[in-house]
Amino acid sequence: MTELDRFKSLMDILNFRTQRDFAVALNIKDGSMSDIVRGRGNSISAFIKDRLAYRLNVNIEWLETGVGEPLMKSGPVISEAKEGVPYFDISLSDSDTFILMEEQAEYFVNYKPFNDCTAYLPVYGDSMYPKYASGEIIAIREVTNFDVLQWGEAYVVMTDEKANYLRSIKMIYQHADPDKLILRSSNPNFRGDTIINKSNITSLYIIKGKITRNLI
């Protein structure tokens, strides 16, 4: 079995119903996924392998060589000794302010791929389904330079009163005006973009990945 064969088998191993669901989980375009599956290119890129490891807990050694198990056995571990990243059992709409203070954390999650993050938060609602489903837990890292963003990635966005105190998880896209951003849901049932000024952002966190509650 080749590396490509093992990559294709991941769709069944990870219980993705369609190739598109697999692409959404890796946050790549359908066409890019098709190119990989069809073997267009010399190998699966390091970029894709990083996403497989960080987002889906895939064992890259197995993918490359066939040695070991397809999925990493060591998952997130709850720590009561403040080891890892704090988990806050709050909704983004719980309050007008959004301050993550360690003493208010429910517990800490020690999981190496996400230990450079700021916090873990639960997902509520379906606006980002199937990328992030209600009940899943996202790992977020604070962003301070709003001029250096990753277009098409998901962020937790917090704004001031001029933007109606928006608090939401959205995909961010480039606007023609460099002082503005386009916010978009990944769920096609939530249509329409939201345009905000960068100056109205009070806090911004990139979502580095997710875990499910049955892993901790």
N, C-alpha and C. Protein backbone atom coordinates (compact mmCIF):
# COMPACT_ATOMS: atom_id res chain seq x y z
N MET A 1 0.85 -1.20 0.00
CA MET A 1 0.00 0.00 0.00
C MET A 1 0.89 1.25 0.00
N THR A 2 0.58 2.19 -0.87
CA THR A 2 1.37 3.41 -0.98
C THR A 2 0.87 4.49 -0.02
N GLU A 3 1.64 5.57 0.06
CA GLU A 3 1.22 6.71 0.89
C GLU A 3 -0.13 7.22 0.42
N LEU A 4 -0.33 7.30 -0.88
CA LEU A 4 -1.60 7.78 -1.42
C LEU A 4 -2.74 6.83 -1.07
N ASP A 5 -2.48 5.52 -1.14
CA ASP A 5 -3.51 4.55 -0.76
C ASP A 5 -3.91 4.73 0.70
N ARG A 6 -2.90 4.96 1.55
CA ARG A 6 -3.20 5.15 2.98
C ARG A 6 -3.98 6.45 3.18
N PHE A 7 -3.62 7.49 2.42
CA PHE A 7 -4.36 8.75 2.52
C PHE A 7 -5.83 8.53 2.16
N LYS A 8 -6.08 7.82 1.07
CA LYS A 8 -7.46 7.56 0.64
C LYS A 8 -8.22 6.76 1.70
N SER A 9 -7.53 5.84 2.36
CA SER A 9 -8.20 5.01 3.36
C SER A 9 -8.62 5.80 4.60
N LEU A 10 -8.01 6.98 4.79
CA LEU A 10 -8.34 7.79 5.97
C LEU A 10 -9.79 8.24 5.97
N MET A 11 -10.39 8.38 4.79
CA MET A 11 -11.77 8.82 4.73
C MET A 11 -12.68 7.82 5.44
N ASP A 12 -12.41 6.53 5.25
CA ASP A 12 -13.19 5.50 5.94
C ASP A 12 -12.80 5.39 7.41
N ILE A 13 -11.51 5.48 7.68
CA ILE A 13 -11.02 5.36 9.06
C ILE A 13 -11.61 6.46 9.94
N LEU A 14 -11.71 7.68 9.37
CA LEU A 14 -12.20 8.84 10.12
C LEU A 14 -13.70 9.05 9.96
N ASN A 15 -14.35 8.13 9.26
CA ASN A 15 -15.82 8.14 9.11
C ASN A 15 -16.35 9.37 8.38
N PHE A 16 -15.62 9.82 7.37
CA PHE A 16 -16.15 10.88 6.52
C PHE A 16 -17.03 10.25 5.45
N ARG A 17 -18.22 10.78 5.29
CA ARG A 17 -19.16 10.19 4.34
C ARG A 17 -18.79 10.51 2.90
N THR A 18 -18.24 11.69 2.68
CA THR A 18 -17.90 12.10 1.32
C THR A 18 -16.50 12.70 1.27
N GLN A 19 -15.97 12.77 0.09
CA GLN A 19 -14.67 13.39 -0.13
C GLN A 19 -14.72 14.86 0.24
N ARG A 20 -15.87 15.49 0.02
CA ARG A 20 -16.03 16.90 0.36
C ARG A 20 -15.97 17.12 1.87
N ASP A 21 -16.56 16.20 2.64
CA ASP A 21 -16.49 16.31 4.10
C ASP A 21 -15.04 16.25 4.57
N PHE A 22 -14.26 15.40 3.93
CA PHE A 22 -12.83 15.28 4.25
C PHE A 22 -12.12 16.60 3.95
N ALA A 23 -12.45 17.20 2.80
CA ALA A 23 -11.84 18.47 2.42
C ALA A 23 -12.20 19.57 3.40
N VAL A 24 -13.45 19.60 3.83
CA VAL A 24 -13.90 20.62 4.78
C VAL A 24 -13.14 20.48 6.09
N ALA A 25 -12.96 19.25 6.55
CA ALA A 25 -12.25 19.01 7.81
C ALA A 25 -10.81 19.51 7.75
N LEU A 26 -10.21 19.44 6.56
CA LEU A 26 -8.83 19.91 6.39
C LEU A 26 -8.78 21.37 5.95
N ASN A 27 -9.95 21.97 5.72
CA ASN A 27 -10.07 23.35 5.26
C ASN A 27 -9.29 23.57 3.96
N ILE A 28 -9.52 22.67 3.00
CA ILE A 28 -8.96 22.84 1.66
C ILE A 28 -10.10 22.77 0.65
N LYS A 29 -9.86 23.25 -0.54
CA LYS A 29 -10.88 23.27 -1.58
C LYS A 29 -11.15 21.86 -2.10
N ASP A 30 -12.37 21.67 -2.62
CA ASP A 30 -12.73 20.37 -3.18
C ASP A 30 -11.77 19.97 -4.29
N GLY A 31 -11.39 20.96 -5.12
CA GLY A 31 -10.48 20.68 -6.22
C GLY A 31 -9.12 20.22 -5.73
N SER A 32 -8.66 20.81 -4.64
CA SER A 32 -7.36 20.41 -4.08
C SER A 32 -7.41 18.97 -3.58
N MET A 33 -8.54 18.63 -2.95
CA MET A 33 -8.70 17.25 -2.48
C MET A 33 -8.73 16.29 -3.66
N SER A 34 -9.43 16.67 -4.72
CA SER A 34 -9.50 15.81 -5.91
C SER A 34 -8.11 15.60 -6.51
N ASP A 35 -7.31 16.66 -6.53
CA ASP A 35 -5.96 16.55 -7.07
C ASP A 35 -5.13 15.55 -6.26
N ILE A 36 -5.29 15.61 -4.93
CA ILE A 36 -4.53 14.68 -4.07
C ILE A 36 -4.96 13.25 -4.34
N VAL A 37 -6.27 13.03 -4.35
CA VAL A 37 -6.81 11.68 -4.51
C VAL A 37 -6.42 11.09 -5.87
N ARG A 38 -6.34 11.94 -6.88
CA ARG A 38 -5.98 11.48 -8.22
C ARG A 38 -4.47 11.34 -8.41
N GLY A 39 -3.72 11.69 -7.37
CA GLY A 39 -2.28 11.54 -7.44
C GLY A 39 -1.58 12.58 -8.28
N ARG A 40 -2.17 13.75 -8.40
CA ARG A 40 -1.55 14.82 -9.16
C ARG A 40 -0.50 15.50 -8.30
N GLY A 41 0.76 15.27 -8.59
CA GLY A 41 1.85 15.76 -7.76
C GLY A 41 2.70 14.60 -7.31
N ASN A 42 3.90 14.91 -6.90
CA ASN A 42 4.84 13.85 -6.53
C ASN A 42 4.51 13.20 -5.20
N SER A 43 3.95 13.98 -4.28
CA SER A 43 3.66 13.45 -2.95
C SER A 43 2.66 14.35 -2.25
N ILE A 44 2.16 13.87 -1.13
CA ILE A 44 1.25 14.68 -0.31
C ILE A 44 2.09 15.74 0.40
N SER A 45 1.70 16.99 0.29
CA SER A 45 2.52 18.09 0.80
C SER A 45 2.62 18.09 2.32
N ALA A 46 3.68 18.75 2.81
CA ALA A 46 3.87 18.90 4.25
C ALA A 46 2.72 19.69 4.86
N PHE A 47 2.18 20.64 4.11
CA PHE A 47 1.04 21.44 4.57
C PHE A 47 -0.15 20.54 4.89
N ILE A 48 -0.46 19.62 3.97
CA ILE A 48 -1.58 18.70 4.19
C ILE A 48 -1.30 17.77 5.36
N LYS A 49 -0.06 17.30 5.45
CA LYS A 49 0.30 16.39 6.54
C LYS A 49 0.18 17.08 7.89
N ASP A 50 0.56 18.35 7.96
CA ASP A 50 0.41 19.10 9.21
C ASP A 50 -1.05 19.18 9.61
N ARG A 51 -1.91 19.43 8.64
CA ARG A 51 -3.34 19.52 8.95
C ARG A 51 -3.92 18.17 9.37
N LEU A 52 -3.45 17.12 8.74
CA LEU A 52 -3.89 15.78 9.14
C LEU A 52 -3.51 15.49 10.59
N ALA A 53 -2.31 15.89 10.97
CA ALA A 53 -1.83 15.62 12.33
C ALA A 53 -2.55 16.49 13.35
N TYR A 54 -2.61 17.82 13.10
CA TYR A 54 -3.14 18.75 14.09
C TYR A 54 -4.66 18.75 14.17
N ARG A 55 -5.32 18.57 13.02
CA ARG A 55 -6.78 18.64 13.02
C ARG A 55 -7.44 17.29 13.26
N LEU A 56 -6.80 16.21 12.75
CA LEU A 56 -7.45 14.90 12.77
C LEU A 56 -6.67 13.84 13.53
N ASN A 57 -5.55 14.22 14.14
CA ASN A 57 -4.78 13.31 14.98
C ASN A 57 -4.24 12.10 14.21
N VAL A 58 -3.91 12.32 12.93
CA VAL A 58 -3.38 11.25 12.09
C VAL A 58 -1.91 11.01 12.41
N ASN A 59 -1.52 9.76 12.47
CA ASN A 59 -0.13 9.37 12.69
C ASN A 59 0.62 9.50 11.36
N ILE A 60 1.45 10.54 11.22
CA ILE A 60 2.12 10.80 9.95
C ILE A 60 3.14 9.71 9.62
N GLU A 61 3.74 9.09 10.63
CA GLU A 61 4.66 7.99 10.36
C GLU A 61 3.93 6.85 9.65
N TRP A 62 2.71 6.56 10.12
CA TRP A 62 1.91 5.53 9.45
C TRP A 62 1.58 5.94 8.03
N LEU A 63 1.20 7.21 7.84
CA LEU A 63 0.85 7.68 6.51
C LEU A 63 2.03 7.51 5.54
N GLU A 64 3.23 7.84 5.99
CA GLU A 64 4.39 7.83 5.12
C GLU A 64 4.99 6.44 4.92
N THR A 65 4.96 5.63 5.97
CA THR A 65 5.68 4.35 5.90
C THR A 65 4.80 3.13 6.13
N GLY A 66 3.61 3.33 6.69
CA GLY A 66 2.75 2.20 7.02
C GLY A 66 3.05 1.60 8.38
N VAL A 67 4.01 2.19 9.10
CA VAL A 67 4.39 1.68 10.41
C VAL A 67 3.49 2.29 11.50
N GLY A 68 2.97 1.45 12.38
CA GLY A 68 2.15 1.94 13.48
C GLY A 68 0.67 1.95 13.12
N GLU A 69 -0.10 2.69 13.92
CA GLU A 69 -1.53 2.80 13.74
C GLU A 69 -1.89 4.08 12.99
N PRO A 70 -3.01 4.10 12.27
CA PRO A 70 -3.38 5.30 11.51
C PRO A 70 -3.58 6.54 12.36
N LEU A 71 -4.10 6.37 13.59
CA LEU A 71 -4.37 7.50 14.46
C LEU A 71 -3.49 7.44 15.69
N MET A 72 -3.08 8.62 16.15
CA MET A 72 -2.25 8.69 17.35
C MET A 72 -3.05 8.24 18.56
N LYS A 73 -2.43 7.44 19.40
CA LYS A 73 -3.13 6.92 20.58
C LYS A 73 -3.18 7.95 21.70
N SER A 74 -2.17 8.81 21.78
CA SER A 74 -2.10 9.79 22.86
C SER A 74 -2.94 10.99 22.52
N GLY A 75 -4.05 11.16 23.19
CA GLY A 75 -4.94 12.28 22.95
C GLY A 75 -4.86 13.30 24.07
N PRO A 76 -5.80 14.23 24.10
CA PRO A 76 -5.81 15.26 25.14
C PRO A 76 -5.97 14.66 26.53
N VAL A 77 -5.28 15.23 27.49
CA VAL A 77 -5.34 14.77 28.88
C VAL A 77 -5.72 15.94 29.77
N ILE A 78 -6.72 15.73 30.63
CA ILE A 78 -7.12 16.77 31.57
C ILE A 78 -6.11 16.86 32.70
N SER A 79 -5.73 18.07 33.05
CA SER A 79 -4.76 18.29 34.11
C SER A 79 -5.37 19.21 35.17
N GLU A 80 -5.17 18.86 36.42
CA GLU A 80 -5.62 19.71 37.52
C GLU A 80 -4.48 20.56 38.07
N ALA A 81 -3.32 20.43 37.47
CA ALA A 81 -2.12 21.14 37.96
C ALA A 81 -1.72 22.27 37.03
N LYS A 82 -2.68 22.82 36.28
CA LYS A 82 -2.44 23.92 35.36
C LYS A 82 -1.36 23.58 34.33
N GLU A 83 -1.39 22.35 33.87
CA GLU A 83 -0.48 21.92 32.82
C GLU A 83 -1.25 21.88 31.50
N GLY A 84 -0.81 22.67 30.55
CA GLY A 84 -1.49 22.73 29.27
C GLY A 84 -2.24 24.03 29.10
N VAL A 85 -3.39 23.96 28.43
CA VAL A 85 -4.16 25.15 28.04
C VAL A 85 -5.50 25.15 28.77
N PRO A 86 -5.93 26.31 29.32
CA PRO A 86 -7.19 26.35 30.08
C PRO A 86 -8.42 26.15 29.20
N TYR A 87 -9.38 25.41 29.73
CA TYR A 87 -10.68 25.23 29.09
C TYR A 87 -11.72 26.05 29.84
N PHE A 88 -12.48 26.87 29.09
CA PHE A 88 -13.51 27.71 29.67
C PHE A 88 -14.87 27.25 29.15
N ASP A 89 -15.73 26.82 30.04
CA ASP A 89 -17.05 26.32 29.66
C ASP A 89 -18.02 27.49 29.56
N ILE A 90 -17.80 28.34 28.55
CA ILE A 90 -18.63 29.54 28.38
C ILE A 90 -19.05 29.67 26.92
N SER A 91 -20.14 30.38 26.74
CA SER A 91 -20.59 30.73 25.40
C SER A 91 -20.05 32.12 25.06
N LEU A 92 -19.81 32.36 23.79
CA LEU A 92 -19.33 33.69 23.39
C LEU A 92 -20.33 34.78 23.73
N SER A 93 -21.59 34.41 23.89
CA SER A 93 -22.63 35.41 24.18
C SER A 93 -22.94 35.53 25.66
N ASP A 94 -22.10 34.93 26.51
CA ASP A 94 -22.38 34.94 27.95
C ASP A 94 -22.31 36.33 28.56
N SER A 95 -21.45 37.19 28.02
CA SER A 95 -21.28 38.50 28.64
C SER A 95 -20.84 39.51 27.60
N ASP A 96 -20.92 40.81 27.97
CA ASP A 96 -20.50 41.87 27.06
C ASP A 96 -18.99 41.90 26.90
N THR A 97 -18.29 41.43 27.90
CA THR A 97 -16.83 41.38 27.83
C THR A 97 -16.40 39.93 27.69
N PHE A 98 -15.22 39.74 27.16
CA PHE A 98 -14.74 38.38 26.93
C PHE A 98 -13.30 38.34 27.43
N ILE A 99 -13.14 37.99 28.70
CA ILE A 99 -11.83 37.97 29.31
C ILE A 99 -11.53 36.55 29.78
N LEU A 100 -10.44 36.01 29.29
CA LEU A 100 -10.06 34.64 29.65
C LEU A 100 -9.04 34.69 30.77
N MET A 101 -9.48 34.39 31.97
CA MET A 101 -8.60 34.42 33.14
C MET A 101 -8.42 33.00 33.65
N GLU A 102 -7.15 32.60 33.86
CA GLU A 102 -6.86 31.22 34.23
C GLU A 102 -7.62 30.76 35.46
N GLU A 103 -7.82 31.66 36.43
CA GLU A 103 -8.49 31.25 37.66
C GLU A 103 -9.96 30.91 37.42
N GLN A 104 -10.50 31.29 36.26
CA GLN A 104 -11.89 30.97 35.94
C GLN A 104 -12.01 29.74 35.05
N ALA A 105 -10.90 29.09 34.75
CA ALA A 105 -10.92 27.91 33.89
C ALA A 105 -11.54 26.73 34.61
N GLU A 106 -12.27 25.90 33.85
CA GLU A 106 -12.86 24.69 34.41
C GLU A 106 -11.77 23.67 34.70
N TYR A 107 -10.83 23.55 33.78
CA TYR A 107 -9.68 22.65 33.92
C TYR A 107 -8.67 22.99 32.83
N PHE A 108 -7.59 22.26 32.79
CA PHE A 108 -6.56 22.47 31.77
C PHE A 108 -6.44 21.21 30.91
N VAL A 109 -6.20 21.40 29.64
CA VAL A 109 -6.06 20.30 28.70
C VAL A 109 -4.62 20.26 28.20
N ASN A 110 -3.95 19.16 28.47
CA ASN A 110 -2.55 19.01 28.06
C ASN A 110 -2.52 18.16 26.79
N TYR A 111 -2.37 18.83 25.66
CA TYR A 111 -2.37 18.16 24.36
C TYR A 111 -1.34 18.87 23.48
N LYS A 112 -0.24 18.21 23.25
CA LYS A 112 0.93 18.84 22.64
C LYS A 112 0.64 19.64 21.37
N PRO A 113 -0.15 19.13 20.41
CA PRO A 113 -0.38 19.90 19.19
C PRO A 113 -0.98 21.28 19.41
N PHE A 114 -1.72 21.46 20.52
CA PHE A 114 -2.39 22.73 20.77
C PHE A 114 -1.89 23.45 22.02
N ASN A 115 -0.76 23.04 22.56
CA ASN A 115 -0.27 23.65 23.79
C ASN A 115 0.27 25.07 23.60
N ASP A 116 0.34 25.56 22.36
CA ASP A 116 0.72 26.95 22.12
C ASP A 116 -0.51 27.85 22.01
N CYS A 117 -1.69 27.30 22.31
CA CYS A 117 -2.93 28.06 22.19
C CYS A 117 -3.21 28.87 23.46
N THR A 118 -4.17 29.76 23.34
CA THR A 118 -4.58 30.61 24.46
C THR A 118 -5.63 29.93 25.33
N ALA A 119 -6.56 29.22 24.69
CA ALA A 119 -7.66 28.62 25.45
C ALA A 119 -8.39 27.60 24.60
N TYR A 120 -9.20 26.78 25.30
CA TYR A 120 -10.18 25.91 24.65
C TYR A 120 -11.57 26.46 24.98
N LEU A 121 -12.47 26.42 23.98
CA LEU A 121 -13.84 26.87 24.18
C LEU A 121 -14.80 25.87 23.55
N PRO A 122 -16.01 25.76 24.08
CA PRO A 122 -17.02 24.89 23.45
C PRO A 122 -17.67 25.61 22.27
N VAL A 123 -18.16 24.84 21.32
CA VAL A 123 -18.87 25.40 20.17
C VAL A 123 -20.37 25.30 20.42
N TYR A 124 -21.07 26.42 20.20
CA TYR A 124 -22.53 26.43 20.30
C TYR A 124 -23.10 26.88 18.96
N GLY A 125 -24.19 26.28 18.54
CA GLY A 125 -24.82 26.68 17.30
C GLY A 125 -24.26 25.94 16.09
N ASP A 126 -24.92 26.17 14.94
CA ASP A 126 -24.61 25.42 13.73
C ASP A 126 -24.10 26.28 12.59
N SER A 127 -23.76 27.53 12.84
CA SER A 127 -23.37 28.41 11.73
C SER A 127 -22.06 27.98 11.07
N MET A 128 -21.24 27.22 11.79
CA MET A 128 -19.97 26.78 11.23
C MET A 128 -19.95 25.28 10.91
N TYR A 129 -21.12 24.65 10.94
CA TYR A 129 -21.21 23.23 10.60
C TYR A 129 -21.00 23.07 9.10
N PRO A 130 -20.31 22.04 8.60
CA PRO A 130 -19.77 20.89 9.34
C PRO A 130 -18.33 21.08 9.84
N LYS A 131 -17.77 22.25 9.57
CA LYS A 131 -16.39 22.49 9.99
C LYS A 131 -16.25 22.38 11.50
N TYR A 132 -17.16 23.05 12.23
CA TYR A 132 -17.19 22.95 13.69
C TYR A 132 -18.63 22.73 14.11
N ALA A 133 -18.88 21.60 14.75
CA ALA A 133 -20.24 21.25 15.16
C ALA A 133 -20.47 21.61 16.61
N SER A 134 -21.72 21.88 16.92
CA SER A 134 -22.10 22.19 18.29
C SER A 134 -21.72 21.03 19.21
N GLY A 135 -21.05 21.34 20.31
CA GLY A 135 -20.60 20.33 21.25
C GLY A 135 -19.13 20.01 21.14
N GLU A 136 -18.52 20.36 20.01
CA GLU A 136 -17.08 20.17 19.87
C GLU A 136 -16.34 21.26 20.64
N ILE A 137 -15.06 21.05 20.85
CA ILE A 137 -14.23 22.00 21.59
C ILE A 137 -13.14 22.51 20.66
N ILE A 138 -13.01 23.84 20.57
CA ILE A 138 -12.02 24.43 19.69
C ILE A 138 -10.83 24.96 20.49
N ALA A 139 -9.66 24.85 19.89
CA ALA A 139 -8.43 25.41 20.47
C ALA A 139 -8.15 26.72 19.76
N ILE A 140 -8.02 27.81 20.52
CA ILE A 140 -7.86 29.13 19.92
C ILE A 140 -6.56 29.78 20.39
N ARG A 141 -5.97 30.59 19.50
CA ARG A 141 -4.76 31.32 19.84
C ARG A 141 -4.97 32.79 19.50
N GLU A 142 -4.63 33.68 20.42
CA GLU A 142 -4.88 35.10 20.23
C GLU A 142 -4.03 35.66 19.10
N VAL A 143 -4.65 36.55 18.33
CA VAL A 143 -3.98 37.27 17.25
C VAL A 143 -3.94 38.75 17.62
N THR A 144 -2.79 39.36 17.52
CA THR A 144 -2.67 40.78 17.88
C THR A 144 -2.43 41.69 16.68
N ASN A 145 -1.91 41.13 15.59
CA ASN A 145 -1.67 41.92 14.38
C ASN A 145 -2.76 41.60 13.37
N PHE A 146 -3.74 42.51 13.23
CA PHE A 146 -4.88 42.26 12.36
C PHE A 146 -4.54 42.45 10.88
N ASP A 147 -3.33 42.86 10.59
CA ASP A 147 -2.91 43.01 9.20
C ASP A 147 -2.24 41.75 8.66
N VAL A 148 -2.01 40.78 9.53
CA VAL A 148 -1.41 39.51 9.10
C VAL A 148 -2.37 38.39 9.49
N LEU A 149 -3.28 38.09 8.57
CA LEU A 149 -4.31 37.08 8.82
C LEU A 149 -4.24 36.00 7.75
N GLN A 150 -4.80 34.85 8.06
CA GLN A 150 -4.83 33.74 7.11
C GLN A 150 -6.22 33.68 6.50
N TRP A 151 -6.31 34.15 5.26
CA TRP A 151 -7.62 34.22 4.59
C TRP A 151 -8.23 32.82 4.44
N GLY A 152 -9.52 32.75 4.74
CA GLY A 152 -10.23 31.49 4.64
C GLY A 152 -10.18 30.63 5.88
N GLU A 153 -9.42 31.07 6.88
CA GLU A 153 -9.35 30.33 8.14
C GLU A 153 -10.45 30.82 9.09
N ALA A 154 -10.77 30.00 10.08
CA ALA A 154 -11.80 30.33 11.05
C ALA A 154 -11.19 31.05 12.25
N TYR A 155 -11.91 32.06 12.73
CA TYR A 155 -11.47 32.86 13.87
C TYR A 155 -12.63 33.09 14.83
N VAL A 156 -12.30 33.30 16.10
CA VAL A 156 -13.26 33.84 17.06
C VAL A 156 -13.09 35.35 17.01
N VAL A 157 -14.19 36.04 16.69
CA VAL A 157 -14.15 37.49 16.48
C VAL A 157 -14.97 38.19 17.56
N MET A 158 -14.36 39.17 18.20
CA MET A 158 -15.05 39.97 19.22
C MET A 158 -14.94 41.44 18.81
N THR A 159 -16.06 42.16 18.83
CA THR A 159 -16.05 43.55 18.40
C THR A 159 -16.65 44.48 19.46
N ASP A 160 -16.49 45.78 19.23
CA ASP A 160 -17.00 46.79 20.16
C ASP A 160 -18.43 47.20 19.80
N GLU A 161 -18.92 48.25 20.48
CA GLU A 161 -20.31 48.65 20.29
C GLU A 161 -20.60 49.14 18.88
N LYS A 162 -19.58 49.67 18.18
CA LYS A 162 -19.79 50.18 16.82
C LYS A 162 -20.09 49.04 15.83
N ALA A 163 -19.72 47.83 16.20
CA ALA A 163 -20.04 46.65 15.39
C ALA A 163 -21.03 45.76 16.13
N ASN A 164 -21.84 46.39 16.98
CA ASN A 164 -22.93 45.71 17.70
C ASN A 164 -22.45 44.60 18.63
N TYR A 165 -21.25 44.76 19.18
CA TYR A 165 -20.71 43.76 20.12
C TYR A 165 -20.77 42.35 19.52
N LEU A 166 -20.45 42.24 18.26
CA LEU A 166 -20.45 40.93 17.61
C LEU A 166 -19.47 40.00 18.31
N ARG A 167 -19.93 38.78 18.62
CA ARG A 167 -19.08 37.74 19.21
C ARG A 167 -19.43 36.44 18.50
N SER A 168 -18.53 35.99 17.66
CA SER A 168 -18.90 34.88 16.81
C SER A 168 -17.69 34.12 16.29
N ILE A 169 -17.93 32.91 15.82
CA ILE A 169 -16.93 32.14 15.09
C ILE A 169 -17.24 32.29 13.61
N LYS A 170 -16.28 32.78 12.83
CA LYS A 170 -16.50 33.00 11.41
C LYS A 170 -15.22 32.77 10.62
N MET A 171 -15.38 32.45 9.34
CA MET A 171 -14.26 32.43 8.41
C MET A 171 -13.97 33.87 8.03
N ILE A 172 -12.69 34.21 7.91
CA ILE A 172 -12.31 35.58 7.55
C ILE A 172 -11.73 35.60 6.14
N TYR A 173 -12.23 36.57 5.36
CA TYR A 173 -11.76 36.75 3.99
C TYR A 173 -11.35 38.19 3.75
N GLN A 174 -10.50 38.38 2.75
CA GLN A 174 -9.97 39.70 2.43
C GLN A 174 -11.05 40.57 1.79
N HIS A 175 -11.08 41.83 2.21
CA HIS A 175 -11.98 42.83 1.64
C HIS A 175 -11.18 43.75 0.73
N ALA A 176 -11.85 44.35 -0.26
CA ALA A 176 -11.18 45.28 -1.17
C ALA A 176 -10.59 46.46 -0.41
N ASP A 177 -11.26 46.84 0.68
CA ASP A 177 -10.76 47.90 1.56
C ASP A 177 -9.87 47.25 2.62
N PRO A 178 -8.59 47.59 2.66
CA PRO A 178 -7.68 46.94 3.62
C PRO A 178 -8.03 47.19 5.08
N ASP A 179 -8.91 48.14 5.34
CA ASP A 179 -9.31 48.43 6.72
C ASP A 179 -10.54 47.63 7.14
N LYS A 180 -11.05 46.80 6.23
CA LYS A 180 -12.25 46.02 6.53
C LYS A 180 -11.96 44.52 6.36
N LEU A 181 -12.84 43.70 6.93
CA LEU A 181 -12.76 42.25 6.81
C LEU A 181 -14.13 41.68 6.45
N ILE A 182 -14.13 40.57 5.74
CA ILE A 182 -15.35 39.86 5.42
C ILE A 182 -15.47 38.65 6.35
N LEU A 183 -16.59 38.53 7.04
CA LEU A 183 -16.86 37.39 7.91
C LEU A 183 -17.92 36.51 7.26
N ARG A 184 -17.69 35.18 7.29
CA ARG A 184 -18.60 34.28 6.59
C ARG A 184 -18.75 32.97 7.36
N SER A 185 -19.97 32.45 7.38
CA SER A 185 -20.22 31.14 7.99
C SER A 185 -19.82 30.05 7.01
N SER A 186 -19.46 28.87 7.53
CA SER A 186 -19.16 27.74 6.64
C SER A 186 -20.41 26.93 6.34
N ASN A 187 -21.46 27.11 7.12
CA ASN A 187 -22.72 26.42 6.87
C ASN A 187 -23.48 27.14 5.75
N PRO A 188 -23.74 26.47 4.62
CA PRO A 188 -24.43 27.13 3.50
C PRO A 188 -25.83 27.60 3.84
N ASN A 189 -26.40 27.10 4.92
CA ASN A 189 -27.73 27.57 5.33
C ASN A 189 -27.70 28.94 5.98
N PHE A 190 -26.50 29.38 6.37
CA PHE A 190 -26.34 30.72 6.96
C PHE A 190 -25.72 31.61 5.89
N ARG A 191 -26.55 32.16 5.04
CA ARG A 191 -26.08 32.92 3.90
C ARG A 191 -25.85 34.39 4.25
N GLY A 192 -25.00 35.02 3.45
CA GLY A 192 -24.74 36.45 3.64
C GLY A 192 -23.47 36.70 4.42
N ASP A 193 -22.70 37.68 3.95
CA ASP A 193 -21.45 38.04 4.61
C ASP A 193 -21.68 39.20 5.58
N THR A 194 -20.81 39.28 6.57
CA THR A 194 -20.78 40.41 7.49
C THR A 194 -19.47 41.16 7.25
N ILE A 195 -19.57 42.48 7.06
CA ILE A 195 -18.39 43.31 6.84
C ILE A 195 -18.13 44.12 8.11
N ILE A 196 -16.92 44.05 8.62
CA ILE A 196 -16.57 44.84 9.80
C ILE A 196 -15.28 45.62 9.56
N ASN A 197 -15.11 46.69 10.32
CA ASN A 197 -13.85 47.43 10.31
C ASN A 197 -12.87 46.77 11.27
N LYS A 198 -11.62 46.69 10.86
CA LYS A 198 -10.60 46.14 11.75
C LYS A 198 -10.53 46.92 13.06
N SER A 199 -10.78 48.22 12.98
CA SER A 199 -10.68 49.07 14.17
C SER A 199 -11.73 48.75 15.21
N ASN A 200 -12.79 48.01 14.81
CA ASN A 200 -13.85 47.66 15.76
C ASN A 200 -13.61 46.32 16.45
N ILE A 201 -12.53 45.65 16.09
CA ILE A 201 -12.21 44.36 16.72
C ILE A 201 -11.56 44.60 18.08
N THR A 202 -12.12 44.00 19.10
CA THR A 202 -11.52 44.10 20.44
C THR A 202 -10.64 42.90 20.75
N SER A 203 -11.01 41.73 20.23
CA SER A 203 -10.21 40.52 20.42
C SER A 203 -10.38 39.63 19.20
N LEU A 204 -9.29 38.94 18.85
CA LEU A 204 -9.34 38.04 17.69
C LEU A 204 -8.49 36.82 18.00
N TYR A 205 -9.06 35.64 17.74
CA TYR A 205 -8.37 34.38 18.01
C TYR A 205 -8.50 33.46 16.80
N ILE A 206 -7.40 32.96 16.30
CA ILE A 206 -7.46 31.98 15.23
C ILE A 206 -7.75 30.61 15.83
N ILE A 207 -8.57 29.83 15.14
CA ILE A 207 -8.89 28.48 15.60
C ILE A 207 -7.86 27.52 15.02
N LYS A 208 -7.06 26.92 15.87
CA LYS A 208 -6.01 26.03 15.41
C LYS A 208 -6.49 24.61 15.18
N GLY A 209 -7.60 24.25 15.79
CA GLY A 209 -8.13 22.91 15.61
C GLY A 209 -9.23 22.63 16.59
N LYS A 210 -9.63 21.38 16.67
CA LYS A 210 -10.73 21.02 17.55
C LYS A 210 -10.51 19.63 18.13
N ILE A 211 -11.19 19.38 19.23
CA ILE A 211 -11.24 18.06 19.83
C ILE A 211 -12.70 17.79 20.20
N THR A 212 -13.04 16.54 20.41
CA THR A 212 -14.38 16.20 20.85
C THR A 212 -14.35 15.82 22.32
N ARG A 213 -15.47 15.95 22.96
CA ARG A 213 -15.53 15.72 24.41
C ARG A 213 -15.16 14.29 24.81
N ASN A 214 -15.39 13.35 23.90
CA ASN A 214 -15.08 11.96 24.27
C ASN A 214 -13.58 11.68 24.25
N LEU A 215 -12.78 12.67 23.85
CA LEU A 215 -11.33 12.51 23.86
C LEU A 215 -10.70 12.92 25.19
N ILE A 216 -11.48 13.62 26.03
CA ILE A 216 -10.90 14.13 27.29
C ILE A 216 -11.68 13.61 28.48
